[in-house]
Amino acid sequence: MRAIRDRLREMYGRPRNSPHREPVEELVRTVLSQNTNDRNRDVAYDRLRERFPSWEAVRDAPREEVIEAIRPGGLAQQKGPRIQHILGEIGDPIELDWLAEAPRARAIDYLTELPGVGRKTAACVQIFSFGLPEIPVDTHVYRVGGRLGLFPEKASLEAAHDEMLAITDPEDAYELHMNLIRHGREVCRPRPRCGECGLRRMCPWYRANRDSLPSGRSATGRG
Protein backbone atom coordinates (compact mmCIF):
# COMPACT_ATOMS: atom_id res chain seq x y z
CA MET A 1 0.00 0.00 0.00
CA ARG A 2 2.87 2.35 0.76
CA ALA A 3 4.43 1.58 -2.62
CA ILE A 4 1.13 2.46 -4.29
CA ARG A 5 0.94 5.63 -2.21
CA ASP A 6 4.43 6.65 -3.27
CA ARG A 7 3.83 5.99 -6.96
CA LEU A 8 0.53 7.89 -6.93
CA ARG A 9 2.31 10.74 -5.14
CA GLU A 10 4.85 10.88 -7.96
CA MET A 11 2.04 11.02 -10.49
CA TYR A 12 -0.39 13.42 -8.81
CA GLY A 13 1.36 15.10 -5.90
CA ARG A 14 0.36 15.00 -2.26
CA PRO A 15 -3.10 16.47 -1.64
CA ARG A 16 -3.64 17.99 1.79
CA ASN A 17 -6.86 17.86 3.73
CA SER A 18 -8.43 21.00 5.17
CA PRO A 19 -11.30 19.74 7.35
CA HIS A 20 -14.17 22.22 7.33
CA ARG A 21 -15.89 20.96 10.53
CA GLU A 22 -19.36 21.19 8.99
CA PRO A 23 -20.66 17.61 9.22
CA VAL A 24 -24.29 18.37 8.38
CA GLU A 25 -23.14 20.28 5.29
CA GLU A 26 -20.97 17.33 4.26
CA LEU A 27 -23.80 14.89 4.85
CA VAL A 28 -26.19 16.83 2.62
CA ARG A 29 -23.54 17.41 -0.07
CA THR A 30 -22.78 13.70 -0.20
CA VAL A 31 -26.45 12.80 -0.60
CA LEU A 32 -26.68 15.34 -3.42
CA SER A 33 -23.56 13.90 -5.07
CA GLN A 34 -25.15 10.50 -5.67
CA ASN A 35 -25.47 9.68 -9.38
CA THR A 36 -24.34 13.10 -10.56
CA ASN A 37 -21.17 15.09 -11.12
CA ASP A 38 -19.54 17.60 -8.78
CA ARG A 39 -20.79 20.62 -10.71
CA ASN A 40 -24.44 19.59 -10.58
CA ARG A 41 -24.09 18.69 -6.90
CA ASP A 42 -22.67 22.11 -6.09
CA VAL A 43 -25.39 23.92 -8.04
CA ALA A 44 -28.07 21.95 -6.18
CA TYR A 45 -26.43 22.58 -2.82
CA ASP A 46 -26.01 26.31 -3.42
CA ARG A 47 -29.66 26.63 -4.50
CA LEU A 48 -30.77 24.79 -1.36
CA ARG A 49 -28.80 27.09 0.93
CA GLU A 50 -29.96 30.20 -0.91
CA ARG A 51 -33.60 29.14 -0.70
CA PHE A 52 -33.63 28.21 3.00
CA PRO A 53 -31.97 30.13 5.88
CA SER A 54 -31.22 27.09 8.07
CA TRP A 55 -31.24 23.30 8.14
CA GLU A 56 -34.35 23.49 10.30
CA ALA A 57 -36.03 25.43 7.49
CA VAL A 58 -35.04 22.75 4.99
CA ARG A 59 -36.42 20.04 7.26
CA ASP A 60 -39.74 21.83 7.80
CA ALA A 61 -40.29 23.14 4.28
CA PRO A 62 -42.94 21.74 1.94
CA ARG A 63 -41.41 18.78 0.16
CA GLU A 64 -41.94 20.22 -3.32
CA GLU A 65 -39.97 23.35 -2.43
CA VAL A 66 -36.93 21.29 -1.44
CA ILE A 67 -37.27 19.14 -4.55
CA GLU A 68 -37.41 22.22 -6.76
CA ALA A 69 -34.35 23.75 -5.07
CA ILE A 70 -32.14 20.71 -5.66
CA ARG A 71 -33.50 19.76 -9.09
CA PRO A 72 -30.21 20.53 -10.95
CA GLY A 73 -28.53 17.73 -8.99
CA GLY A 74 -30.74 15.03 -10.49
CA LEU A 75 -32.99 12.49 -8.76
CA ALA A 76 -34.54 15.36 -6.81
CA GLN A 77 -37.73 13.40 -6.12
CA GLN A 78 -35.67 10.87 -4.16
CA LYS A 79 -32.98 13.12 -2.69
CA GLY A 80 -35.29 15.86 -1.40
CA PRO A 81 -37.37 13.64 0.89
CA ARG A 82 -34.22 11.75 1.94
CA ILE A 83 -32.49 14.96 3.03
CA GLN A 84 -35.55 16.06 4.98
CA HIS A 85 -35.82 12.64 6.61
CA ILE A 86 -32.15 12.70 7.62
CA LEU A 87 -32.47 16.19 9.11
CA GLY A 88 -35.56 15.08 10.98
CA GLU A 89 -33.75 12.07 12.44
CA ILE A 90 -30.86 14.22 13.70
CA GLY A 91 -33.27 16.13 15.95
CA ASP A 92 -32.94 19.57 17.54
CA PRO A 93 -30.62 21.26 17.15
CA ILE A 94 -29.53 19.96 13.77
CA GLU A 95 -25.83 19.55 14.42
CA LEU A 96 -23.34 16.68 14.44
CA ASP A 97 -20.27 18.29 15.98
CA TRP A 98 -20.11 15.56 18.63
CA LEU A 99 -18.95 13.10 15.97
CA ALA A 100 -15.48 14.64 16.08
CA GLU A 101 -14.85 13.21 19.55
CA ALA A 102 -16.98 10.07 19.38
CA PRO A 103 -15.44 6.60 19.15
CA ARG A 104 -15.18 5.65 15.49
CA ALA A 105 -17.54 2.67 15.71
CA ARG A 106 -20.21 4.73 17.43
CA ALA A 107 -19.92 7.53 14.87
CA ILE A 108 -20.11 5.19 11.86
CA ASP A 109 -23.01 3.24 13.38
CA TYR A 110 -24.93 6.44 14.07
CA LEU A 111 -24.43 7.81 10.58
CA THR A 112 -25.27 4.57 8.78
CA GLU A 113 -28.49 4.28 10.76
CA LEU A 114 -29.70 7.53 9.20
CA PRO A 115 -32.05 6.94 6.25
CA GLY A 116 -30.20 6.33 3.00
CA VAL A 117 -26.73 6.83 4.51
CA GLY A 118 -24.18 4.13 3.72
CA ARG A 119 -20.55 3.59 4.55
CA LYS A 120 -19.25 5.87 1.81
CA THR A 121 -21.35 8.80 2.99
CA ALA A 122 -20.43 8.17 6.63
CA ALA A 123 -16.75 8.04 5.70
CA CYS A 124 -17.02 11.30 3.75
CA VAL A 125 -18.50 13.04 6.79
CA GLN A 126 -15.66 11.83 9.00
CA ILE A 127 -12.71 12.57 6.73
CA PHE A 128 -13.81 15.82 5.10
CA SER A 129 -15.43 17.35 8.17
CA PHE A 130 -12.94 16.34 10.85
CA GLY A 131 -9.88 14.89 9.10
CA LEU A 132 -10.48 11.49 10.69
CA PRO A 133 -8.88 8.54 8.88
CA GLU A 134 -11.36 7.02 6.45
CA ILE A 135 -11.18 6.06 2.79
CA PRO A 136 -14.62 6.49 1.23
CA VAL A 137 -14.99 3.79 -1.41
CA ASP A 138 -16.75 5.34 -4.37
CA THR A 139 -16.96 3.92 -7.89
CA HIS A 140 -13.39 4.96 -8.75
CA VAL A 141 -11.78 3.69 -5.55
CA TYR A 142 -13.68 0.41 -5.86
CA ARG A 143 -12.57 -0.09 -9.47
CA VAL A 144 -8.91 0.86 -8.91
CA GLY A 145 -8.63 -0.95 -5.58
CA GLY A 146 -10.18 -4.09 -7.01
CA ARG A 147 -7.81 -4.14 -9.98
CA LEU A 148 -4.83 -3.61 -7.67
CA GLY A 149 -5.98 -6.46 -5.43
CA LEU A 150 -6.42 -4.28 -2.35
CA PHE A 151 -9.54 -6.22 -1.37
CA PRO A 152 -11.05 -9.52 -2.53
CA GLU A 153 -12.59 -9.73 -5.96
CA LYS A 154 -16.30 -8.83 -5.88
CA ALA A 155 -16.06 -7.71 -2.25
CA SER A 156 -19.07 -5.83 -0.94
CA LEU A 157 -18.68 -2.09 -0.55
CA GLU A 158 -18.70 -2.52 3.22
CA ALA A 159 -15.97 -5.15 3.07
CA ALA A 160 -13.96 -2.93 0.73
CA HIS A 161 -14.22 -0.04 3.20
CA ASP A 162 -13.05 -2.25 6.06
CA GLU A 163 -10.12 -3.65 4.07
CA MET A 164 -8.96 -0.27 2.81
CA LEU A 165 -9.02 1.12 6.34
CA ALA A 166 -7.12 -1.89 7.69
CA ILE A 167 -4.24 -1.67 5.19
CA THR A 168 -3.84 2.13 5.08
CA ASP A 169 -1.70 4.15 7.46
CA PRO A 170 -4.10 6.65 9.11
CA GLU A 171 -1.99 9.63 8.09
CA ASP A 172 -2.21 8.54 4.43
CA ALA A 173 -5.99 8.09 4.26
CA TYR A 174 -6.91 11.43 2.68
CA GLU A 175 -4.00 11.41 0.23
CA LEU A 176 -4.76 7.89 -0.96
CA HIS A 177 -8.47 8.55 -1.25
CA MET A 178 -7.98 11.63 -3.41
CA ASN A 179 -5.23 10.14 -5.57
CA LEU A 180 -7.09 6.86 -6.15
CA ILE A 181 -10.11 8.86 -7.31
CA ARG A 182 -7.96 10.93 -9.64
CA HIS A 183 -6.29 7.82 -11.01
CA GLY A 184 -9.69 6.22 -11.60
CA ARG A 185 -10.91 9.28 -13.48
CA GLU A 186 -7.83 9.83 -15.62
CA VAL A 187 -6.17 6.45 -16.19
CA CYS A 188 -7.79 3.41 -14.55
CA ARG A 189 -11.13 4.07 -16.20
CA PRO A 190 -13.73 1.43 -17.05
CA ARG A 191 -11.71 1.05 -20.25
CA PRO A 192 -8.26 1.42 -18.68
CA ARG A 193 -5.34 3.29 -20.20
CA CYS A 194 -2.81 0.76 -18.96
CA GLY A 195 -0.01 2.04 -21.18
CA GLU A 196 -0.10 5.33 -19.26
CA CYS A 197 -0.33 3.75 -15.82
CA GLY A 198 2.55 4.08 -13.40
CA LEU A 199 1.05 1.28 -11.31
CA ARG A 200 0.84 -1.43 -13.94
CA ARG A 201 3.94 -3.33 -12.75
CA MET A 202 2.25 -3.88 -9.38
CA CYS A 203 -1.23 -4.46 -10.80
CA PRO A 204 -2.61 -8.03 -10.78
CA TRP A 205 -5.41 -7.04 -13.15
CA TYR A 206 -2.91 -5.81 -15.75
CA ARG A 207 -0.80 -8.96 -15.47
CA ALA A 208 -3.87 -11.13 -15.93
CA ASN A 209 -5.30 -9.17 -18.86
CA ARG A 210 -2.42 -7.57 -20.74
CA ASP A 211 -2.39 -10.17 -23.53
CA SER A 212 -6.06 -9.51 -24.28
CA LEU A 213 -5.92 -5.72 -24.10
CA PRO A 214 -6.37 -3.84 -27.39
CA SER A 215 -3.23 -2.50 -28.98
CA GLY A 216 -4.46 1.09 -29.05
CA ARG A 217 -4.11 3.91 -26.58
CA SER A 218 -6.00 2.14 -23.77
CA ALA A 219 -3.31 -0.56 -23.60
CA THR A 220 -0.05 1.00 -24.75
CA GLY A 221 -0.42 4.75 -24.52
CA ARG A 222 0.12 5.01 -28.29
CA GLY A 223 -2.74 6.05 -30.49
C-alpha atoms as a PDB file:
ATOM      1  CA  MET A   1       0.000   0.000   0.000  1.00  0.00           C
ATOM      2  CA  ARG A   2       2.872   2.348   0.765  1.00  0.00           C
ATOM      3  CA  ALA A   3       4.431   1.583  -2.617  1.00  0.00           C
ATOM      4  CA  ILE A   4       1.128   2.455  -4.288  1.00  0.00           C
ATOM      5  CA  ARG A   5       0.938   5.630  -2.207  1.00  0.00           C
ATOM      6  CA  ASP A   6       4.434   6.648  -3.273  1.00  0.00           C
ATOM      7  CA  ARG A   7       3.826   5.990  -6.965  1.00  0.00           C
ATOM      8  CA  LEU A   8       0.530   7.891  -6.926  1.00  0.00           C
ATOM      9  CA  ARG A   9       2.308  10.738  -5.137  1.00  0.00           C
ATOM     10  CA  GLU A  10       4.850  10.881  -7.961  1.00  0.00           C
ATOM     11  CA  MET A  11       2.038  11.023 -10.490  1.00  0.00           C
ATOM     12  CA  TYR A  12      -0.391  13.422  -8.808  1.00  0.00           C
ATOM     13  CA  GLY A  13       1.365  15.099  -5.905  1.00  0.00           C
ATOM     14  CA  ARG A  14       0.360  15.002  -2.263  1.00  0.00           C
ATOM     15  CA  PRO A  15      -3.104  16.474  -1.644  1.00  0.00           C
ATOM     16  CA  ARG A  16      -3.643  17.988   1.792  1.00  0.00           C
ATOM     17  CA  ASN A  17      -6.857  17.859   3.735  1.00  0.00           C
ATOM     18  CA  SER A  18      -8.432  21.005   5.175  1.00  0.00           C
ATOM     19  CA  PRO A  19     -11.297  19.736   7.355  1.00  0.00           C
ATOM     20  CA  HIS A  20     -14.168  22.222   7.328  1.00  0.00           C
ATOM     21  CA  ARG A  21     -15.885  20.958  10.530  1.00  0.00           C
ATOM     22  CA  GLU A  22     -19.361  21.189   8.990  1.00  0.00           C
ATOM     23  CA  PRO A  23     -20.664  17.610   9.218  1.00  0.00           C
ATOM     24  CA  VAL A  24     -24.294  18.371   8.380  1.00  0.00           C
ATOM     25  CA  GLU A  25     -23.144  20.282   5.294  1.00  0.00           C
ATOM     26  CA  GLU A  26     -20.969  17.332   4.260  1.00  0.00           C
ATOM     27  CA  LEU A  27     -23.799  14.889   4.853  1.00  0.00           C
ATOM     28  CA  VAL A  28     -26.192  16.827   2.618  1.00  0.00           C
ATOM     29  CA  ARG A  29     -23.541  17.405  -0.068  1.00  0.00           C
ATOM     30  CA  THR A  30     -22.778  13.698  -0.203  1.00  0.00           C
ATOM     31  CA  VAL A  31     -26.447  12.801  -0.599  1.00  0.00           C
ATOM     32  CA  LEU A  32     -26.682  15.340  -3.420  1.00  0.00           C
ATOM     33  CA  SER A  33     -23.559  13.899  -5.072  1.00  0.00           C
ATOM     34  CA  GLN A  34     -25.147  10.501  -5.668  1.00  0.00           C
ATOM     35  CA  ASN A  35     -25.467   9.676  -9.385  1.00  0.00           C
ATOM     36  CA  THR A  36     -24.339  13.095 -10.563  1.00  0.00           C
ATOM     37  CA  ASN A  37     -21.166  15.087 -11.116  1.00  0.00           C
ATOM     38  CA  ASP A  38     -19.538  17.596  -8.780  1.00  0.00           C
ATOM     39  CA  ARG A  39     -20.787  20.621 -10.712  1.00  0.00           C
ATOM     40  CA  ASN A  40     -24.442  19.588 -10.576  1.00  0.00           C
ATOM     41  CA  ARG A  41     -24.090  18.692  -6.901  1.00  0.00           C
ATOM     42  CA  ASP A  42     -22.666  22.106  -6.094  1.00  0.00           C
ATOM     43  CA  VAL A  43     -25.394  23.923  -8.042  1.00  0.00           C
ATOM     44  CA  ALA A  44     -28.073  21.952  -6.180  1.00  0.00           C
ATOM     45  CA  TYR A  45     -26.429  22.576  -2.819  1.00  0.00           C
ATOM     46  CA  ASP A  46     -26.011  26.308  -3.417  1.00  0.00           C
ATOM     47  CA  ARG A  47     -29.660  26.627  -4.500  1.00  0.00           C
ATOM     48  CA  LEU A  48     -30.769  24.793  -1.365  1.00  0.00           C
ATOM     49  CA  ARG A  49     -28.803  27.093   0.929  1.00  0.00           C
ATOM     50  CA  GLU A  50     -29.958  30.197  -0.911  1.00  0.00           C
ATOM     51  CA  ARG A  51     -33.600  29.144  -0.697  1.00  0.00           C
ATOM     52  CA  PHE A  52     -33.625  28.211   3.001  1.00  0.00           C
ATOM     53  CA  PRO A  53     -31.965  30.134   5.883  1.00  0.00           C
ATOM     54  CA  SER A  54     -31.222  27.094   8.071  1.00  0.00           C
ATOM     55  CA  TRP A  55     -31.235  23.300   8.135  1.00  0.00           C
ATOM     56  CA  GLU A  56     -34.346  23.486  10.295  1.00  0.00           C
ATOM     57  CA  ALA A  57     -36.025  25.434   7.494  1.00  0.00           C
ATOM     58  CA  VAL A  58     -35.035  22.747   4.991  1.00  0.00           C
ATOM     59  CA  ARG A  59     -36.422  20.042   7.264  1.00  0.00           C
ATOM     60  CA  ASP A  60     -39.742  21.831   7.803  1.00  0.00           C
ATOM     61  CA  ALA A  61     -40.286  23.139   4.277  1.00  0.00           C
ATOM     62  CA  PRO A  62     -42.940  21.739   1.943  1.00  0.00           C
ATOM     63  CA  ARG A  63     -41.408  18.784   0.161  1.00  0.00           C
ATOM     64  CA  GLU A  64     -41.939  20.218  -3.323  1.00  0.00           C
ATOM     65  CA  GLU A  65     -39.972  23.353  -2.427  1.00  0.00           C
ATOM     66  CA  VAL A  66     -36.935  21.287  -1.438  1.00  0.00           C
ATOM     67  CA  ILE A  67     -37.265  19.139  -4.552  1.00  0.00           C
ATOM     68  CA  GLU A  68     -37.407  22.223  -6.761  1.00  0.00           C
ATOM     69  CA  ALA A  69     -34.349  23.746  -5.072  1.00  0.00           C
ATOM     70  CA  ILE A  70     -32.142  20.712  -5.660  1.00  0.00           C
ATOM     71  CA  ARG A  71     -33.499  19.758  -9.093  1.00  0.00           C
ATOM     72  CA  PRO A  72     -30.210  20.528 -10.953  1.00  0.00           C
ATOM     73  CA  GLY A  73     -28.535  17.732  -8.989  1.00  0.00           C
ATOM     74  CA  GLY A  74     -30.744  15.032 -10.491  1.00  0.00           C
ATOM     75  CA  LEU A  75     -32.991  12.489  -8.757  1.00  0.00           C
ATOM     76  CA  ALA A  76     -34.541  15.357  -6.808  1.00  0.00           C
ATOM     77  CA  GLN A  77     -37.731  13.400  -6.118  1.00  0.00           C
ATOM     78  CA  GLN A  78     -35.667  10.874  -4.155  1.00  0.00           C
ATOM     79  CA  LYS A  79     -32.979  13.125  -2.694  1.00  0.00           C
ATOM     80  CA  GLY A  80     -35.287  15.864  -1.398  1.00  0.00           C
ATOM     81  CA  PRO A  81     -37.365  13.639   0.894  1.00  0.00           C
ATOM     82  CA  ARG A  82     -34.223  11.754   1.940  1.00  0.00           C
ATOM     83  CA  ILE A  83     -32.490  14.960   3.032  1.00  0.00           C
ATOM     84  CA  GLN A  84     -35.551  16.064   4.982  1.00  0.00           C
ATOM     85  CA  HIS A  85     -35.824  12.640   6.610  1.00  0.00           C
ATOM     86  CA  ILE A  86     -32.149  12.704   7.625  1.00  0.00           C
ATOM     87  CA  LEU A  87     -32.471  16.186   9.105  1.00  0.00           C
ATOM     88  CA  GLY A  88     -35.556  15.075  10.980  1.00  0.00           C
ATOM     89  CA  GLU A  89     -33.749  12.071  12.440  1.00  0.00           C
ATOM     90  CA  ILE A  90     -30.859  14.219  13.700  1.00  0.00           C
ATOM     91  CA  GLY A  91     -33.272  16.133  15.947  1.00  0.00           C
ATOM     92  CA  ASP A  92     -32.942  19.570  17.536  1.00  0.00           C
ATOM     93  CA  PRO A  93     -30.617  21.262  17.153  1.00  0.00           C
ATOM     94  CA  ILE A  94     -29.533  19.958  13.772  1.00  0.00           C
ATOM     95  CA  GLU A  95     -25.832  19.547  14.425  1.00  0.00           C
ATOM     96  CA  LEU A  96     -23.336  16.682  14.443  1.00  0.00           C
ATOM     97  CA  ASP A  97     -20.268  18.288  15.980  1.00  0.00           C
ATOM     98  CA  TRP A  98     -20.114  15.557  18.631  1.00  0.00           C
ATOM     99  CA  LEU A  99     -18.950  13.102  15.972  1.00  0.00           C
ATOM    100  CA  ALA A 100     -15.475  14.637  16.079  1.00  0.00           C
ATOM    101  CA  GLU A 101     -14.850  13.207  19.548  1.00  0.00           C
ATOM    102  CA  ALA A 102     -16.984  10.072  19.376  1.00  0.00           C
ATOM    103  CA  PRO A 103     -15.444   6.598  19.146  1.00  0.00           C
ATOM    104  CA  ARG A 104     -15.178   5.652  15.485  1.00  0.00           C
ATOM    105  CA  ALA A 105     -17.537   2.671  15.707  1.00  0.00           C
ATOM    106  CA  ARG A 106     -20.210   4.734  17.425  1.00  0.00           C
ATOM    107  CA  ALA A 107     -19.922   7.533  14.870  1.00  0.00           C
ATOM    108  CA  ILE A 108     -20.114   5.190  11.865  1.00  0.00           C
ATOM    109  CA  ASP A 109     -23.006   3.236  13.380  1.00  0.00           C
ATOM    110  CA  TYR A 110     -24.934   6.440  14.071  1.00  0.00           C
ATOM    111  CA  LEU A 111     -24.427   7.808  10.575  1.00  0.00           C
ATOM    112  CA  THR A 112     -25.272   4.571   8.784  1.00  0.00           C
ATOM    113  CA  GLU A 113     -28.489   4.278  10.758  1.00  0.00           C
ATOM    114  CA  LEU A 114     -29.701   7.532   9.197  1.00  0.00           C
ATOM    115  CA  PRO A 115     -32.055   6.944   6.249  1.00  0.00           C
ATOM    116  CA  GLY A 116     -30.196   6.329   3.001  1.00  0.00           C
ATOM    117  CA  VAL A 117     -26.725   6.830   4.515  1.00  0.00           C
ATOM    118  CA  GLY A 118     -24.182   4.130   3.716  1.00  0.00           C
ATOM    119  CA  ARG A 119     -20.551   3.589   4.548  1.00  0.00           C
ATOM    120  CA  LYS A 120     -19.252   5.872   1.810  1.00  0.00           C
ATOM    121  CA  THR A 121     -21.348   8.804   2.994  1.00  0.00           C
ATOM    122  CA  ALA A 122     -20.425   8.174   6.625  1.00  0.00           C
ATOM    123  CA  ALA A 123     -16.747   8.040   5.698  1.00  0.00           C
ATOM    124  CA  CYS A 124     -17.024  11.300   3.748  1.00  0.00           C
ATOM    125  CA  VAL A 125     -18.500  13.040   6.794  1.00  0.00           C
ATOM    126  CA  GLN A 126     -15.663  11.829   8.999  1.00  0.00           C
ATOM    127  CA  ILE A 127     -12.709  12.567   6.731  1.00  0.00           C
ATOM    128  CA  PHE A 128     -13.809  15.822   5.101  1.00  0.00           C
ATOM    129  CA  SER A 129     -15.429  17.352   8.175  1.00  0.00           C
ATOM    130  CA  PHE A 130     -12.940  16.336  10.850  1.00  0.00           C
ATOM    131  CA  GLY A 131      -9.885  14.894   9.103  1.00  0.00           C
ATOM    132  CA  LEU A 132     -10.476  11.493  10.689  1.00  0.00           C
ATOM    133  CA  PRO A 133      -8.878   8.539   8.880  1.00  0.00           C
ATOM    134  CA  GLU A 134     -11.362   7.015   6.453  1.00  0.00           C
ATOM    135  CA  ILE A 135     -11.183   6.057   2.791  1.00  0.00           C
ATOM    136  CA  PRO A 136     -14.618   6.495   1.231  1.00  0.00           C
ATOM    137  CA  VAL A 137     -14.994   3.788  -1.410  1.00  0.00           C
ATOM    138  CA  ASP A 138     -16.754   5.339  -4.367  1.00  0.00           C
ATOM    139  CA  THR A 139     -16.959   3.920  -7.894  1.00  0.00           C
ATOM    140  CA  HIS A 140     -13.393   4.959  -8.753  1.00  0.00           C
ATOM    141  CA  VAL A 141     -11.785   3.695  -5.548  1.00  0.00           C
ATOM    142  CA  TYR A 142     -13.679   0.412  -5.859  1.00  0.00           C
ATOM    143  CA  ARG A 143     -12.568  -0.093  -9.466  1.00  0.00           C
ATOM    144  CA  VAL A 144      -8.910   0.856  -8.913  1.00  0.00           C
ATOM    145  CA  GLY A 145      -8.634  -0.951  -5.579  1.00  0.00           C
ATOM    146  CA  GLY A 146     -10.182  -4.092  -7.013  1.00  0.00           C
ATOM    147  CA  ARG A 147      -7.809  -4.143  -9.977  1.00  0.00           C
ATOM    148  CA  LEU A 148      -4.830  -3.610  -7.667  1.00  0.00           C
ATOM    149  CA  GLY A 149      -5.975  -6.463  -5.426  1.00  0.00           C
ATOM    150  CA  LEU A 150      -6.417  -4.278  -2.353  1.00  0.00           C
ATOM    151  CA  PHE A 151      -9.538  -6.218  -1.373  1.00  0.00           C
ATOM    152  CA  PRO A 152     -11.049  -9.517  -2.526  1.00  0.00           C
ATOM    153  CA  GLU A 153     -12.595  -9.730  -5.962  1.00  0.00           C
ATOM    154  CA  LYS A 154     -16.295  -8.835  -5.879  1.00  0.00           C
ATOM    155  CA  ALA A 155     -16.057  -7.709  -2.254  1.00  0.00           C
ATOM    156  CA  SER A 156     -19.069  -5.833  -0.941  1.00  0.00           C
ATOM    157  CA  LEU A 157     -18.680  -2.089  -0.549  1.00  0.00           C
ATOM    158  CA  GLU A 158     -18.702  -2.524   3.223  1.00  0.00           C
ATOM    159  CA  ALA A 159     -15.967  -5.152   3.070  1.00  0.00           C
ATOM    160  CA  ALA A 160     -13.956  -2.925   0.733  1.00  0.00           C
ATOM    161  CA  HIS A 161     -14.218  -0.040   3.201  1.00  0.00           C
ATOM    162  CA  ASP A 162     -13.046  -2.254   6.059  1.00  0.00           C
ATOM    163  CA  GLU A 163     -10.123  -3.653   4.073  1.00  0.00           C
ATOM    164  CA  MET A 164      -8.956  -0.271   2.811  1.00  0.00           C
ATOM    165  CA  LEU A 165      -9.024   1.117   6.336  1.00  0.00           C
ATOM    166  CA  ALA A 166      -7.115  -1.892   7.688  1.00  0.00           C
ATOM    167  CA  ILE A 167      -4.238  -1.666   5.194  1.00  0.00           C
ATOM    168  CA  THR A 168      -3.835   2.127   5.078  1.00  0.00           C
ATOM    169  CA  ASP A 169      -1.696   4.152   7.461  1.00  0.00           C
ATOM    170  CA  PRO A 170      -4.098   6.646   9.108  1.00  0.00           C
ATOM    171  CA  GLU A 171      -1.994   9.626   8.089  1.00  0.00           C
ATOM    172  CA  ASP A 172      -2.211   8.540   4.428  1.00  0.00           C
ATOM    173  CA  ALA A 173      -5.990   8.091   4.259  1.00  0.00           C
ATOM    174  CA  TYR A 174      -6.914  11.427   2.677  1.00  0.00           C
ATOM    175  CA  GLU A 175      -4.004  11.408   0.226  1.00  0.00           C
ATOM    176  CA  LEU A 176      -4.764   7.888  -0.959  1.00  0.00           C
ATOM    177  CA  HIS A 177      -8.475   8.551  -1.255  1.00  0.00           C
ATOM    178  CA  MET A 178      -7.977  11.628  -3.413  1.00  0.00           C
ATOM    179  CA  ASN A 179      -5.229  10.137  -5.568  1.00  0.00           C
ATOM    180  CA  LEU A 180      -7.094   6.860  -6.150  1.00  0.00           C
ATOM    181  CA  ILE A 181     -10.112   8.864  -7.309  1.00  0.00           C
ATOM    182  CA  ARG A 182      -7.965  10.935  -9.644  1.00  0.00           C
ATOM    183  CA  HIS A 183      -6.290   7.816 -11.012  1.00  0.00           C
ATOM    184  CA  GLY A 184      -9.686   6.222 -11.601  1.00  0.00           C
ATOM    185  CA  ARG A 185     -10.910   9.280 -13.483  1.00  0.00           C
ATOM    186  CA  GLU A 186      -7.827   9.833 -15.620  1.00  0.00           C
ATOM    187  CA  VAL A 187      -6.165   6.448 -16.190  1.00  0.00           C
ATOM    188  CA  CYS A 188      -7.787   3.413 -14.551  1.00  0.00           C
ATOM    189  CA  ARG A 189     -11.130   4.075 -16.201  1.00  0.00           C
ATOM    190  CA  PRO A 190     -13.728   1.433 -17.054  1.00  0.00           C
ATOM    191  CA  ARG A 191     -11.713   1.053 -20.255  1.00  0.00           C
ATOM    192  CA  PRO A 192      -8.262   1.422 -18.678  1.00  0.00           C
ATOM    193  CA  ARG A 193      -5.339   3.292 -20.195  1.00  0.00           C
ATOM    194  CA  CYS A 194      -2.809   0.757 -18.961  1.00  0.00           C
ATOM    195  CA  GLY A 195      -0.006   2.039 -21.175  1.00  0.00           C
ATOM    196  CA  GLU A 196      -0.100   5.335 -19.264  1.00  0.00           C
ATOM    197  CA  CYS A 197      -0.330   3.748 -15.821  1.00  0.00           C
ATOM    198  CA  GLY A 198       2.551   4.076 -13.401  1.00  0.00           C
ATOM    199  CA  LEU A 199       1.052   1.278 -11.306  1.00  0.00           C
ATOM    200  CA  ARG A 200       0.838  -1.432 -13.941  1.00  0.00           C
ATOM    201  CA  ARG A 201       3.937  -3.331 -12.745  1.00  0.00           C
ATOM    202  CA  MET A 202       2.253  -3.876  -9.382  1.00  0.00           C
ATOM    203  CA  CYS A 203      -1.227  -4.459 -10.797  1.00  0.00           C
ATOM    204  CA  PRO A 204      -2.613  -8.030 -10.777  1.00  0.00           C
ATOM    205  CA  TRP A 205      -5.408  -7.038 -13.151  1.00  0.00           C
ATOM    206  CA  TYR A 206      -2.913  -5.809 -15.751  1.00  0.00           C
ATOM    207  CA  ARG A 207      -0.803  -8.961 -15.474  1.00  0.00           C
ATOM    208  CA  ALA A 208      -3.869 -11.130 -15.928  1.00  0.00           C
ATOM    209  CA  ASN A 209      -5.301  -9.170 -18.859  1.00  0.00           C
ATOM    210  CA  ARG A 210      -2.416  -7.566 -20.740  1.00  0.00           C
ATOM    211  CA  ASP A 211      -2.394 -10.170 -23.535  1.00  0.00           C
ATOM    212  CA  SER A 212      -6.056  -9.511 -24.279  1.00  0.00           C
ATOM    213  CA  LEU A 213      -5.918  -5.717 -24.103  1.00  0.00           C
ATOM    214  CA  PRO A 214      -6.371  -3.839 -27.390  1.00  0.00           C
ATOM    215  CA  SER A 215      -3.231  -2.505 -28.983  1.00  0.00           C
ATOM    216  CA  GLY A 216      -4.464   1.087 -29.049  1.00  0.00           C
ATOM    217  CA  ARG A 217      -4.109   3.911 -26.583  1.00  0.00           C
ATOM    218  CA  SER A 218      -5.995   2.137 -23.769  1.00  0.00           C
ATOM    219  CA  ALA A 219      -3.313  -0.556 -23.605  1.00  0.00           C
ATOM    220  CA  THR A 220      -0.045   1.002 -24.752  1.00  0.00           C
ATOM    221  CA  GLY A 221      -0.417   4.746 -24.521  1.00  0.00           C
ATOM    222  CA  ARG A 222       0.121   5.014 -28.294  1.00  0.00           C
ATOM    223  CA  GLY A 223      -2.742   6.052 -30.493  1.00  0.00           C
END
